[in-house]
Amino acid sequence: MEKQGIISGKRKTAIAKLRFKEGAGNIVYNGLSHNSLTLFHRLALSEPVRIYEQEFGEKVQYDFSIATQGGGKEAQIQASRLAIAKALVKITGSDVLKKAFIAYDRNIIVPDARRKEANKPGDSAPRAKRQKSYR
């Protein structure tokens, strides 16, 4: 098991960089305790930790410090959630935990690869076609 390290998570254009070190299981999100976040954001960040605790029957012995940039608030939270899950899998090296994450929600451990579709050459939008005039 590793004592400390850095993991990143991405969602759309949001990037979350997570530092973990041995501690009491605290989560610090952009310099604030995760307890000061809104209910759904707090729950989203604690989901990976709760799944870990269910699988192993013990509290997480690591502190997580997350710094986010880019994207919107929801994408930053989802990127942070992904980073926490990846960190827990890296710390434990457990395939059982990885399968538990995937069974709960695949996006908790696998980043969403969807991106904006590019504009087509000589056209105004990715899917819109030029209007045709018959007169």
C-alpha atoms as a PDB file:
ATOM      1  CA  MET A   1       0.000   0.000   0.000  1.00  0.00           C
ATOM      2  CA  GLU A   2       1.164   3.485  -0.835  1.00  0.00           C
ATOM      3  CA  LYS A   3       1.455   6.118   1.857  1.00  0.00           C
ATOM      4  CA  GLN A   4       0.884   9.140  -0.399  1.00  0.00           C
ATOM      5  CA  GLY A   5       0.473  10.109  -4.036  1.00  0.00           C
ATOM      6  CA  ILE A   6      -1.312  12.164  -6.670  1.00  0.00           C
ATOM      7  CA  ILE A   7      -4.230  11.059  -8.858  1.00  0.00           C
ATOM      8  CA  SER A   8      -6.224  13.042 -11.418  1.00  0.00           C
ATOM      9  CA  GLY A   9      -9.783  12.678 -12.644  1.00  0.00           C
ATOM     10  CA  LYS A  10     -11.453  14.300 -15.654  1.00  0.00           C
ATOM     11  CA  ARG A  11     -15.041  15.026 -16.671  1.00  0.00           C
ATOM     12  CA  LYS A  12     -15.747  17.089 -19.799  1.00  0.00           C
ATOM     13  CA  THR A  13     -13.277  19.978 -19.429  1.00  0.00           C
ATOM     14  CA  ALA A  14     -13.018  19.793 -15.623  1.00  0.00           C
ATOM     15  CA  ILE A  15      -9.864  18.393 -14.065  1.00  0.00           C
ATOM     16  CA  ALA A  16      -9.524  17.322 -10.428  1.00  0.00           C
ATOM     17  CA  LYS A  17      -6.091  16.728  -8.928  1.00  0.00           C
ATOM     18  CA  LEU A  18      -6.173  14.697  -5.739  1.00  0.00           C
ATOM     19  CA  ARG A  19      -3.368  14.295  -3.217  1.00  0.00           C
ATOM     20  CA  PHE A  20      -3.721  11.477  -0.718  1.00  0.00           C
ATOM     21  CA  LYS A  21      -1.733  10.790   2.421  1.00  0.00           C
ATOM     22  CA  GLU A  22      -2.222   8.720   5.547  1.00  0.00           C
ATOM     23  CA  GLY A  23      -4.703  10.304   7.919  1.00  0.00           C
ATOM     24  CA  ALA A  24      -8.188  10.111   9.402  1.00  0.00           C
ATOM     25  CA  GLY A  25     -10.320   9.929   6.243  1.00  0.00           C
ATOM     26  CA  ASN A  26     -10.891  13.680   5.752  1.00  0.00           C
ATOM     27  CA  ILE A  27     -11.842  15.070   2.331  1.00  0.00           C
ATOM     28  CA  VAL A  28     -10.784  18.658   1.550  1.00  0.00           C
ATOM     29  CA  TYR A  29     -12.326  20.071  -1.641  1.00  0.00           C
ATOM     30  CA  ASN A  30     -10.745  23.287  -2.997  1.00  0.00           C
ATOM     31  CA  GLY A  31      -9.504  24.241   0.462  1.00  0.00           C
ATOM     32  CA  LEU A  32     -12.834  23.591   2.227  1.00  0.00           C
ATOM     33  CA  SER A  33     -13.986  20.589   4.194  1.00  0.00           C
ATOM     34  CA  HIS A  34     -16.402  18.529   2.092  1.00  0.00           C
ATOM     35  CA  ASN A  35     -18.943  18.957   4.914  1.00  0.00           C
ATOM     36  CA  SER A  36     -19.392  22.597   3.892  1.00  0.00           C
ATOM     37  CA  LEU A  37     -20.622  21.592   0.410  1.00  0.00           C
ATOM     38  CA  THR A  38     -24.250  21.164  -0.606  1.00  0.00           C
ATOM     39  CA  LEU A  39     -25.936  17.875   0.256  1.00  0.00           C
ATOM     40  CA  PHE A  40     -25.721  16.249  -3.192  1.00  0.00           C
ATOM     41  CA  HIS A  41     -22.116  17.325  -3.740  1.00  0.00           C
ATOM     42  CA  ARG A  42     -21.195  15.989  -0.289  1.00  0.00           C
ATOM     43  CA  LEU A  43     -22.924  12.685  -1.062  1.00  0.00           C
ATOM     44  CA  ALA A  44     -21.242  12.412  -4.477  1.00  0.00           C
ATOM     45  CA  LEU A  45     -17.786  12.864  -2.939  1.00  0.00           C
ATOM     46  CA  SER A  46     -18.456  10.367  -0.156  1.00  0.00           C
ATOM     47  CA  GLU A  47     -19.884   7.601  -2.416  1.00  0.00           C
ATOM     48  CA  PRO A  48     -16.511   5.987  -3.240  1.00  0.00           C
ATOM     49  CA  VAL A  49     -15.519   6.109   0.441  1.00  0.00           C
ATOM     50  CA  ARG A  50     -18.781   4.440   1.515  1.00  0.00           C
ATOM     51  CA  ILE A  51     -18.388   1.671  -1.069  1.00  0.00           C
ATOM     52  CA  TYR A  52     -14.818   1.092   0.204  1.00  0.00           C
ATOM     53  CA  GLU A  53     -16.091   0.892   3.783  1.00  0.00           C
ATOM     54  CA  GLN A  54     -18.807  -1.598   2.767  1.00  0.00           C
ATOM     55  CA  GLU A  55     -16.346  -3.833   0.934  1.00  0.00           C
ATOM     56  CA  PHE A  56     -13.580  -3.834   3.546  1.00  0.00           C
ATOM     57  CA  GLY A  57     -15.548  -3.150   6.744  1.00  0.00           C
ATOM     58  CA  GLU A  58     -13.095  -0.486   7.910  1.00  0.00           C
ATOM     59  CA  LYS A  59     -12.778   3.286   7.702  1.00  0.00           C
ATOM     60  CA  VAL A  60     -10.525   4.891   5.111  1.00  0.00           C
ATOM     61  CA  GLN A  61      -7.145   5.698   6.683  1.00  0.00           C
ATOM     62  CA  TYR A  62      -6.218   8.404   4.150  1.00  0.00           C
ATOM     63  CA  ASP A  63      -6.846  12.133   3.834  1.00  0.00           C
ATOM     64  CA  PHE A  64      -7.805  13.422   0.386  1.00  0.00           C
ATOM     65  CA  SER A  65      -7.043  16.975  -0.747  1.00  0.00           C
ATOM     66  CA  ILE A  66      -8.698  17.913  -4.061  1.00  0.00           C
ATOM     67  CA  ALA A  67      -7.999  20.918  -6.290  1.00  0.00           C
ATOM     68  CA  THR A  68     -10.224  21.416  -9.350  1.00  0.00           C
ATOM     69  CA  GLN A  69     -10.031  23.619 -12.412  1.00  0.00           C
ATOM     70  CA  GLY A  70     -12.001  24.120 -15.626  1.00  0.00           C
ATOM     71  CA  GLY A  71     -15.535  23.067 -16.462  1.00  0.00           C
ATOM     72  CA  GLY A  72     -18.580  23.707 -14.279  1.00  0.00           C
ATOM     73  CA  LYS A  73     -19.370  22.879 -10.666  1.00  0.00           C
ATOM     74  CA  GLU A  74     -21.079  19.550 -11.413  1.00  0.00           C
ATOM     75  CA  ALA A  75     -18.301  18.386 -13.740  1.00  0.00           C
ATOM     76  CA  GLN A  76     -15.710  19.322 -11.104  1.00  0.00           C
ATOM     77  CA  ILE A  77     -17.561  17.271  -8.478  1.00  0.00           C
ATOM     78  CA  GLN A  78     -17.812  14.286 -10.855  1.00  0.00           C
ATOM     79  CA  ALA A  79     -14.099  14.585 -11.707  1.00  0.00           C
ATOM     80  CA  SER A  80     -13.307  14.657  -7.969  1.00  0.00           C
ATOM     81  CA  ARG A  81     -15.489  11.604  -7.362  1.00  0.00           C
ATOM     82  CA  LEU A  82     -13.607   9.774 -10.117  1.00  0.00           C
ATOM     83  CA  ALA A  83     -10.252  10.784  -8.612  1.00  0.00           C
ATOM     84  CA  ILE A  84     -11.246   9.529  -5.139  1.00  0.00           C
ATOM     85  CA  ALA A  85     -12.368   6.179  -6.564  1.00  0.00           C
ATOM     86  CA  LYS A  86      -9.163   5.815  -8.617  1.00  0.00           C
ATOM     87  CA  ALA A  87      -7.076   6.668  -5.555  1.00  0.00           C
ATOM     88  CA  LEU A  88      -8.831   4.039  -3.419  1.00  0.00           C
ATOM     89  CA  VAL A  89      -8.293   1.390  -6.106  1.00  0.00           C
ATOM     90  CA  LYS A  90      -4.613   2.386  -6.392  1.00  0.00           C
ATOM     91  CA  ILE A  91      -4.119   2.366  -2.610  1.00  0.00           C
ATOM     92  CA  THR A  92      -5.671  -1.076  -2.114  1.00  0.00           C
ATOM     93  CA  GLY A  93      -4.759  -2.661  -5.451  1.00  0.00           C
ATOM     94  CA  SER A  94      -8.019  -4.591  -5.114  1.00  0.00           C
ATOM     95  CA  ASP A  95      -9.955  -5.960  -8.095  1.00  0.00           C
ATOM     96  CA  VAL A  96     -12.887  -6.638  -5.743  1.00  0.00           C
ATOM     97  CA  LEU A  97     -13.161  -2.909  -4.990  1.00  0.00           C
ATOM     98  CA  LYS A  98     -12.892  -2.020  -8.674  1.00  0.00           C
ATOM     99  CA  LYS A  99     -15.713  -4.457  -9.517  1.00  0.00           C
ATOM    100  CA  ALA A 100     -17.814  -3.042  -6.659  1.00  0.00           C
ATOM    101  CA  PHE A 101     -17.375   0.479  -8.085  1.00  0.00           C
ATOM    102  CA  ILE A 102     -18.342  -0.688 -11.583  1.00  0.00           C
ATOM    103  CA  ALA A 103     -21.364  -2.592 -10.252  1.00  0.00           C
ATOM    104  CA  TYR A 104     -22.549   0.515  -8.374  1.00  0.00           C
ATOM    105  CA  ASP A 105     -21.934   3.032 -11.177  1.00  0.00           C
ATOM    106  CA  ARG A 106     -19.540   2.521 -14.073  1.00  0.00           C
ATOM    107  CA  ASN A 107     -18.797   6.276 -14.294  1.00  0.00           C
ATOM    108  CA  ILE A 108     -17.398   6.257 -10.756  1.00  0.00           C
ATOM    109  CA  ILE A 109     -14.226   4.553 -12.039  1.00  0.00           C
ATOM    110  CA  VAL A 110     -14.319   4.879 -15.862  1.00  0.00           C
ATOM    111  CA  PRO A 111     -14.092   8.436 -17.267  1.00  0.00           C
ATOM    112  CA  ASP A 112     -16.796   9.556 -19.693  1.00  0.00           C
ATOM    113  CA  ALA A 113     -15.152   9.803 -23.132  1.00  0.00           C
ATOM    114  CA  ARG A 114     -17.884  11.862 -24.810  1.00  0.00           C
ATOM    115  CA  ARG A 115     -16.742  15.167 -26.256  1.00  0.00           C
ATOM    116  CA  LYS A 116     -18.304  17.947 -28.313  1.00  0.00           C
ATOM    117  CA  GLU A 117     -18.666  17.060 -31.991  1.00  0.00           C
ATOM    118  CA  ALA A 118     -16.575  19.237 -34.312  1.00  0.00           C
ATOM    119  CA  ASN A 119     -18.080  21.603 -36.881  1.00  0.00           C
ATOM    120  CA  LYS A 120     -18.004  20.212 -40.417  1.00  0.00           C
ATOM    121  CA  PRO A 121     -15.965  22.046 -43.086  1.00  0.00           C
ATOM    122  CA  GLY A 122     -17.860  24.892 -44.741  1.00  0.00           C
ATOM    123  CA  ASP A 123     -20.848  24.460 -42.452  1.00  0.00           C
ATOM    124  CA  SER A 124     -22.103  26.267 -39.372  1.00  0.00           C
ATOM    125  CA  ALA A 125     -22.770  23.397 -36.982  1.00  0.00           C
ATOM    126  CA  PRO A 126     -21.839  19.759 -36.377  1.00  0.00           C
ATOM    127  CA  ARG A 127     -25.154  18.307 -37.602  1.00  0.00           C
ATOM    128  CA  ALA A 128     -27.120  21.152 -39.156  1.00  0.00           C
ATOM    129  CA  LYS A 129     -27.251  21.047 -42.964  1.00  0.00           C
ATOM    130  CA  ARG A 130     -27.409  24.026 -45.275  1.00  0.00           C
ATOM    131  CA  GLN A 131     -30.924  25.022 -46.191  1.00  0.00           C
ATOM    132  CA  LYS A 132     -32.004  24.220 -49.691  1.00  0.00           C
ATOM    133  CA  SER A 133     -34.013  26.715 -51.707  1.00  0.00           C
ATOM    134  CA  TYR A 134     -36.232  25.586 -54.578  1.00  0.00           C
ATOM    135  CA  ARG A 135     -37.008  29.117 -55.781  1.00  0.00           C
END
